[in-house]
Amino acid sequence: MTRREWLLSDAPTSRSQARWGQSYRTWLALKSNRLAMVGLWIVIVLILLAIFAPVLAPYSPVEGIGGLRGARLEPPSWAHPFGTDDLSRDILSRVIHGARITLLVVLLVAVIATPIGLAVGTASGYFGGWVDVVLMRITDIFMAFPRLILALAFASALGPGIENAIIAIAITAWPPYARLARAETLTIRDTDYINAIRLQGASSLRILWGHVTPLCLSSAVVRVTLDMAGIILIAAGLGFLGLGAQPPQPEWGAMIAGGRRFIIDQWWVATMPGLAIFIVALGFNLLGDGLRDVLDPKARK
């Protein structure tokens, strides 16, 4: 039996074989979606740029080239493919290093917001009653405000800085996950599977984190992937307004803000980081759509 036949076997002989077989089928389904693969490659390139930024960037992201008058506001060329900014800094190098900040924001927001949303949503759906009412009304309050406006309010209260921006975005990002987890929990809390575990004497906490939450993870992963584009745009918006990463950090939103003064004559200063935001956001959206088709049973035809 070949490895492929072992993975695609309809009668697995062990849990590990069943688990690996399901993962392989998921990969094959995702691989057949060309747009999802385009999004996956964009995300992989972003990760590689973030990891190897010091090696790939031809110049320093924070130091000017040849002084303020040496290479100031030069158009794209072989020496500087993305041109230079008003402080003689190579824009390509700044965009590459900016991938690190973007990836850091996306990962930390996902790590902070997703567990909060899952905890609130599963507890609300499982216990019901006054617990459900209180938790969902708190969720409704957060969802009543546009995410960017709410993030601006929290970032203004916490003060400028990339750390505070991450906290502000995470505070506004968890409500959709809570709503999704609650809906999933409501559909499974009275199933025979959960009732059997309950009859065995398992505590509510063990049922929630050991059995209910894992069943909500696939939907949460899809939602997180789709939300990453929005997280990037909010982070860029905070940086554009001066509430995110502070100079001289090469954050894409802050780079656009610095280049808006030259948008007519030196268009490349603001356009290049803007294109980076567009491409990365598009990649996450394409990947999220593909994962939704693969992981969400309701979306399968």
Protein backbone atom coordinates (compact mmCIF):
# COMPACT_ATOMS: atom_id res chain seq x y z
CA MET A 1 0.00 0.00 0.00
CA THR A 2 1.39 3.38 -1.02
CA ARG A 3 1.39 6.38 1.29
CA ARG A 4 -1.39 8.02 -0.74
CA GLU A 5 -3.55 4.90 -0.51
CA TRP A 6 -2.87 4.73 3.23
CA LEU A 7 -3.99 8.34 3.67
CA LEU A 8 -7.10 7.96 1.50
CA SER A 9 -8.21 4.64 2.98
CA ASP A 10 -11.94 4.44 3.71
CA ALA A 11 -11.28 2.09 6.63
CA PRO A 12 -8.53 3.58 8.81
CA THR A 13 -7.08 1.22 11.38
CA SER A 14 -6.02 3.87 13.90
CA ARG A 15 -6.87 7.36 15.05
CA SER A 16 -3.63 8.76 13.67
CA GLN A 17 -4.38 7.31 10.22
CA ALA A 18 -7.88 8.82 10.29
CA ARG A 19 -6.51 12.18 11.41
CA TRP A 20 -3.77 12.27 8.79
CA GLY A 21 -6.21 11.09 6.14
CA GLN A 22 -8.66 13.88 6.93
CA SER A 23 -5.85 16.45 6.83
CA TYR A 24 -4.68 15.11 3.46
CA ARG A 25 -8.21 15.27 2.01
CA THR A 26 -8.51 18.84 3.25
CA TRP A 27 -5.23 19.74 1.56
CA LEU A 28 -6.33 18.15 -1.72
CA ALA A 29 -9.60 20.09 -1.63
CA LEU A 30 -7.76 23.33 -0.89
CA LYS A 31 -5.19 22.60 -3.59
CA SER A 32 -7.92 22.26 -6.20
CA ASN A 33 -9.01 25.86 -5.53
CA ARG A 34 -6.67 28.02 -7.61
CA LEU A 35 -7.60 31.32 -5.98
CA ALA A 36 -7.06 29.84 -2.53
CA MET A 37 -3.60 28.67 -3.61
CA VAL A 38 -2.82 32.18 -4.85
CA GLY A 39 -3.81 33.50 -1.43
CA LEU A 40 -1.72 30.81 0.28
CA TRP A 41 1.36 31.75 -1.75
CA ILE A 42 0.87 35.43 -0.90
CA VAL A 43 0.72 34.56 2.80
CA ILE A 44 3.80 32.31 2.49
CA VAL A 45 5.71 35.13 0.78
CA LEU A 46 4.68 37.49 3.59
CA ILE A 47 5.98 35.04 6.18
CA LEU A 48 9.26 34.54 4.32
CA LEU A 49 9.73 38.30 3.97
CA ALA A 50 9.14 38.73 7.69
CA ILE A 51 11.60 35.97 8.61
CA PHE A 52 14.38 36.92 6.20
CA ALA A 53 13.86 40.69 6.10
CA PRO A 54 17.44 41.54 7.21
CA VAL A 55 18.81 39.34 4.41
CA LEU A 56 16.40 40.36 1.63
CA ALA A 57 16.31 44.11 2.28
CA PRO A 58 19.11 45.81 0.29
CA TYR A 59 19.33 48.82 2.63
CA SER A 60 18.56 49.82 6.18
CA PRO A 61 14.84 50.52 6.75
CA VAL A 62 15.51 53.45 9.11
CA GLU A 63 18.70 55.10 7.81
CA GLY A 64 18.93 57.37 4.78
CA ILE A 65 21.16 56.66 1.80
CA GLY A 66 23.98 59.15 1.27
CA GLY A 67 22.47 61.80 3.55
CA LEU A 68 19.28 63.81 3.10
CA ARG A 69 20.41 65.17 -0.26
CA GLY A 70 21.96 62.00 -1.59
CA ALA A 71 18.92 59.98 -2.73
CA ARG A 72 15.92 61.99 -1.61
CA LEU A 73 12.61 61.25 -3.37
CA GLU A 74 14.21 59.32 -6.20
CA PRO A 75 11.77 57.54 -8.54
CA PRO A 76 11.82 53.74 -8.96
CA SER A 77 15.02 52.53 -10.61
CA TRP A 78 17.30 49.50 -10.71
CA ALA A 79 19.09 50.73 -7.60
CA HIS A 80 15.83 51.46 -5.78
CA PRO A 81 12.96 49.45 -7.34
CA PHE A 82 10.36 51.19 -5.14
CA GLY A 83 12.11 54.56 -5.07
CA THR A 84 13.16 56.51 -1.97
CA ASP A 85 11.26 58.69 0.47
CA ASP A 86 11.80 62.24 1.70
CA LEU A 87 14.48 61.05 4.17
CA SER A 88 16.48 59.19 1.50
CA ARG A 89 15.36 55.79 2.79
CA ASP A 90 14.88 52.89 0.38
CA ILE A 91 11.14 52.18 0.22
CA LEU A 92 11.61 48.53 -0.85
CA SER A 93 13.66 47.88 2.29
CA ARG A 94 11.03 49.58 4.43
CA VAL A 95 8.19 47.60 2.83
CA ILE A 96 10.08 44.32 3.41
CA HIS A 97 10.74 45.14 7.06
CA GLY A 98 7.15 46.36 7.37
CA ALA A 99 6.03 42.79 6.66
CA ARG A 100 7.39 41.88 10.09
CA ILE A 101 5.21 44.45 11.83
CA THR A 102 2.15 43.43 9.80
CA LEU A 103 2.63 39.73 10.54
CA LEU A 104 3.26 40.48 14.22
CA VAL A 105 0.03 42.47 14.49
CA VAL A 106 -2.02 39.79 12.70
CA LEU A 107 -0.65 36.92 14.79
CA LEU A 108 -0.91 38.65 18.17
CA VAL A 109 -4.44 39.91 17.52
CA ALA A 110 -5.51 36.41 16.46
CA VAL A 111 -3.84 34.84 19.52
CA ILE A 112 -5.49 37.32 21.90
CA ALA A 113 -8.95 37.75 20.35
CA THR A 114 -9.76 34.18 19.29
CA PRO A 115 -9.53 32.53 22.75
CA ILE A 116 -11.57 35.37 24.27
CA GLY A 117 -14.27 35.02 21.63
CA LEU A 118 -14.36 31.22 21.94
CA ALA A 119 -14.56 31.39 25.74
CA VAL A 120 -17.39 33.91 25.72
CA GLY A 121 -19.32 32.22 22.91
CA THR A 122 -19.09 28.65 24.18
CA ALA A 123 -19.97 29.66 27.75
CA SER A 124 -22.94 31.69 26.52
CA GLY A 125 -24.28 28.91 24.30
CA TYR A 126 -23.66 26.08 26.75
CA PHE A 127 -25.06 27.58 29.97
CA GLY A 128 -27.81 29.72 28.45
CA GLY A 129 -30.12 31.67 30.79
CA TRP A 130 -28.78 34.80 32.44
CA VAL A 131 -25.21 33.90 31.47
CA ASP A 132 -26.22 33.97 27.81
CA VAL A 133 -28.11 37.25 28.23
CA VAL A 134 -25.26 39.06 30.00
CA LEU A 135 -22.47 37.85 27.71
CA MET A 136 -24.41 38.47 24.51
CA ARG A 137 -25.47 41.97 25.57
CA ILE A 138 -21.82 42.81 26.23
CA THR A 139 -21.01 41.40 22.80
CA ASP A 140 -23.79 43.48 21.25
CA ILE A 141 -22.37 46.64 22.82
CA PHE A 142 -18.99 46.02 21.19
CA MET A 143 -20.58 45.14 17.85
CA ALA A 144 -22.74 48.27 17.88
CA PHE A 145 -19.70 50.40 17.05
CA PRO A 146 -17.66 50.23 13.82
CA ARG A 147 -14.45 48.34 14.55
CA LEU A 148 -12.16 51.08 13.28
CA ILE A 149 -13.90 53.76 15.37
CA LEU A 150 -13.80 51.58 18.48
CA ALA A 151 -10.14 50.71 17.88
CA LEU A 152 -9.38 54.42 17.50
CA ALA A 153 -11.07 55.13 20.81
CA PHE A 154 -9.11 52.44 22.66
CA ALA A 155 -5.83 53.36 20.95
CA SER A 156 -6.34 57.01 21.86
CA ALA A 157 -6.99 56.06 25.48
CA LEU A 158 -3.99 53.72 25.68
CA GLY A 159 -1.63 56.03 23.79
CA PRO A 160 0.34 55.67 20.56
CA GLY A 161 2.53 52.64 20.01
CA ILE A 162 2.43 49.28 18.28
CA GLU A 163 1.75 47.38 21.53
CA ASN A 164 -1.23 49.55 22.40
CA ALA A 165 -2.50 49.31 18.83
CA ILE A 166 -2.44 45.50 19.04
CA ILE A 167 -4.38 45.59 22.33
CA ALA A 168 -6.91 48.04 20.88
CA ILE A 169 -7.50 45.90 17.78
CA ALA A 170 -7.77 42.69 19.84
CA ILE A 171 -10.38 44.28 22.12
CA THR A 172 -12.56 45.04 19.09
CA ALA A 173 -11.93 41.76 17.23
CA TRP A 174 -13.37 39.11 19.59
CA PRO A 175 -17.19 39.70 19.31
CA PRO A 176 -17.66 37.98 15.90
CA TYR A 177 -15.86 34.90 17.21
CA ALA A 178 -18.12 34.87 20.27
CA ARG A 179 -21.23 35.02 18.08
CA LEU A 180 -19.93 32.22 15.87
CA ALA A 181 -18.94 30.01 18.82
CA ARG A 182 -22.32 30.55 20.49
CA ALA A 183 -24.18 29.48 17.35
CA GLU A 184 -22.01 26.37 17.02
CA THR A 185 -22.45 25.51 20.71
CA LEU A 186 -26.23 25.82 20.55
CA THR A 187 -26.30 23.18 17.82
CA ILE A 188 -24.20 20.63 19.71
CA ARG A 189 -24.86 21.17 23.43
CA ASP A 190 -27.86 18.77 23.51
CA THR A 191 -26.49 16.14 21.15
CA ASP A 192 -26.12 12.53 22.28
CA TYR A 193 -22.35 12.92 22.17
CA ILE A 194 -22.34 15.74 24.73
CA ASN A 195 -25.06 14.10 26.85
CA ALA A 196 -23.00 10.91 27.06
CA ILE A 197 -19.98 12.86 28.28
CA ARG A 198 -22.17 14.67 30.80
CA LEU A 199 -23.55 11.37 32.14
CA GLN A 200 -20.00 10.15 32.70
CA GLY A 201 -19.59 12.90 35.29
CA ALA A 202 -17.49 15.33 33.29
CA SER A 203 -17.52 18.90 34.63
CA SER A 204 -18.88 21.79 32.59
CA LEU A 205 -15.39 23.23 32.19
CA ARG A 206 -14.05 19.94 30.85
CA ILE A 207 -16.97 19.62 28.42
CA LEU A 208 -16.49 23.19 27.19
CA TRP A 209 -12.73 23.11 26.63
CA GLY A 210 -12.31 19.41 25.90
CA HIS A 211 -15.24 18.74 23.60
CA VAL A 212 -17.28 21.82 22.63
CA THR A 213 -14.44 24.20 21.81
CA PRO A 214 -12.60 21.77 19.46
CA LEU A 215 -15.81 21.40 17.46
CA CYS A 216 -15.92 25.18 17.01
CA LEU A 217 -12.28 25.51 15.93
CA SER A 218 -12.74 24.87 12.20
CA SER A 219 -15.30 27.68 11.88
CA ALA A 220 -13.13 29.93 14.05
CA VAL A 221 -10.07 29.29 11.86
CA VAL A 222 -12.02 30.28 8.76
CA ARG A 223 -13.34 33.44 10.44
CA VAL A 224 -9.88 34.40 11.72
CA THR A 225 -8.36 34.00 8.27
CA LEU A 226 -11.08 36.14 6.71
CA ASP A 227 -10.69 38.76 9.45
CA MET A 228 -6.94 39.09 8.99
CA ALA A 229 -7.44 41.41 6.03
CA GLY A 230 -9.59 43.66 8.20
CA ILE A 231 -7.01 43.53 10.99
CA ILE A 232 -4.31 44.65 8.55
CA LEU A 233 -6.47 47.55 7.34
CA ILE A 234 -7.30 48.67 10.89
CA ALA A 235 -3.62 48.48 11.89
CA ALA A 236 -2.70 50.51 8.80
CA GLY A 237 -5.43 53.01 9.66
CA LEU A 238 -4.09 53.45 13.19
CA GLY A 239 -0.58 53.84 11.80
CA PHE A 240 -1.80 56.38 9.26
CA LEU A 241 -3.33 58.45 12.07
CA GLY A 242 -0.20 58.21 14.21
CA LEU A 243 -1.67 55.82 16.80
CA GLY A 244 0.15 52.68 15.67
CA ALA A 245 3.84 52.06 15.10
CA GLN A 246 5.86 55.20 15.66
CA PRO A 247 8.67 56.60 13.48
CA PRO A 248 11.11 55.43 12.35
CA GLN A 249 9.45 51.99 12.36
CA PRO A 250 8.58 50.94 8.77
CA GLU A 251 4.86 50.36 9.29
CA TRP A 252 2.89 50.44 6.05
CA GLY A 253 0.11 52.74 7.26
CA ALA A 254 2.61 55.22 8.70
CA MET A 255 4.55 55.10 5.41
CA ILE A 256 1.39 56.08 3.51
CA ALA A 257 0.82 58.93 5.95
CA GLY A 258 4.38 60.15 5.39
CA GLY A 259 3.98 60.00 1.62
CA ARG A 260 0.62 61.76 1.29
CA ARG A 261 2.38 65.12 1.00
CA PHE A 262 4.07 63.92 -2.18
CA ILE A 263 1.18 61.98 -3.71
CA ILE A 264 0.98 64.19 -6.84
CA ASP A 265 4.61 64.43 -7.93
CA GLN A 266 6.32 61.60 -6.01
CA TRP A 267 3.49 59.06 -6.14
CA TRP A 268 5.66 56.05 -5.30
CA VAL A 269 6.22 57.11 -1.68
CA ALA A 270 2.61 56.34 -0.71
CA THR A 271 1.70 53.95 -3.52
CA MET A 272 4.22 51.18 -2.79
CA PRO A 273 3.19 50.53 0.83
CA GLY A 274 -0.43 50.88 -0.28
CA LEU A 275 0.08 48.14 -2.86
CA ALA A 276 1.65 45.95 -0.17
CA ILE A 277 -1.43 46.37 2.02
CA PHE A 278 -3.72 45.61 -0.94
CA ILE A 279 -1.85 42.45 -1.98
CA VAL A 280 -1.57 41.02 1.53
CA ALA A 281 -5.21 41.76 2.36
CA LEU A 282 -6.26 40.15 -0.93
CA GLY A 283 -4.14 37.09 -0.14
CA PHE A 284 -5.77 36.56 3.24
CA ASN A 285 -9.24 37.01 1.74
CA LEU A 286 -8.58 34.46 -1.02
CA LEU A 287 -7.13 31.98 1.46
CA GLY A 288 -10.03 32.52 3.86
CA ASP A 289 -12.58 31.91 1.13
CA GLY A 290 -10.81 28.69 0.18
CA LEU A 291 -10.66 27.49 3.79
CA ARG A 292 -14.34 28.27 4.22
CA ASP A 293 -15.22 26.08 1.25
CA VAL A 294 -13.05 23.26 2.58
CA LEU A 295 -13.70 23.38 6.35
CA ASP A 296 -17.29 24.57 6.56
CA PRO A 297 -19.64 21.62 5.91
CA LYS A 298 -22.56 23.99 5.27
CA ALA A 299 -20.67 25.63 2.39
CA ARG A 300 -19.85 22.37 0.64
CA LYS A 301 -21.88 21.50 -2.39
